[in-house]
């Protein structure tokens, strides 16, 4: 049975792509040193804005151009009529090619208003208020055309675990399944491979649990615990198939600069190169392409330094069963062969962005299987081989038309 699949995201695959990571200091973020900013990437540019500069709350927004290693001041939150919208500890997500920023702490310490930012026109539009209670230090991520916001601390001092979905087309919020972990504030949150992630934070004590949200089923799945010390105020970002999490204030009562890599496929953590800035909490981060960026935060005082991170990826098999593919590069039909006599049940192909794009199920007994890749565009892909519902081999191949 052949099945082509679009729009589905893999949940697990036993592949390990480890990074040999490097950090390089870049141009300092525009404006004064600040902490508890929002950070996001959109249309090939990075953005850091809002925050607290040790004297006042901010609503300014700065655009980072990777080509020129330069920051440009954009219109502040709310535009020319946005006075009073200054805040820190807000959330931001990107959905449907626009950014959305809201909640946080300002003159009123618990906010729930939300604003849409259009980077093409450099304009702000107020949208529907967040449907949950006013709060700060929440978590958020954007997946495709929708945004997701939850957790945090509200005006009663209660830690929250509710989660809400925002539809930019309808300008409406709807309640979704509560976060799978304990109610908390100052958690890490980001999207990767069509799924959301929330972890670490403060639930009354330091935490290190890590959760994945699957939007197709509206479910939270607990993943392997973050392997560093339990902490809050950390930062993280995804560069599929790996995510990176580090910095923060940990259970040794210290600011940290360690960084860790989470593998989407095999649900494991490995420590990578330390962040080369000062140990800190409440930094902002984003990823553009295959690079991550981290800056601002609080290391005993607010800071404005900014760093670029580059992982160098290689594929390492986690299985004893060896496999080979041929031809490689391939144009029309890919052949996959296990180097033993075990019968193959199924082969699945994935894009490097994590989408399942092809699946072939065998009806006969053989340690070889073929996949028709005629419709695939040129580029790099991944494959997995399954026997009796277990993945036994994996690898990568190139399509060249």
Foldseek 3Di string as FASTA:
>chain_A
DKDFDPPDFDQAAQWDKAFQKDKDWFDFEPDAFFFQWAWEDFPQKIKTAWGGQPPFTGQWMWIAHPVVSDIDTFAGAPGPPPPPVGFGQWYWEDAPRWIKIWAGQHPRGFTFWMWIAHPVVSDIDTFDTHPDAGFGQWEKYYFYHKIKIWWGAHPVRDTTFWMWIAHPVVSDIDTFDGAPDARFGQWEWYDARRKIKTAWGCNPAFGFWIWIAHVVVRDIDTFDTHPDAGFGQWYKEDAPQKIKIDWGQGPVRATTFWMWIAGSHNRDIDTHDGHPDARFGRWYKYDRHQKIKIAWGDRPRTGGIMMIMHTDIDIDKPAPWDKDWPDFQDAFKIKIATPDQAFFAKKWKAARRRTTTIIDGDDDGGRMDMDTCNPPDWDKIKMFIDDPNHTHTIDMGTHDD
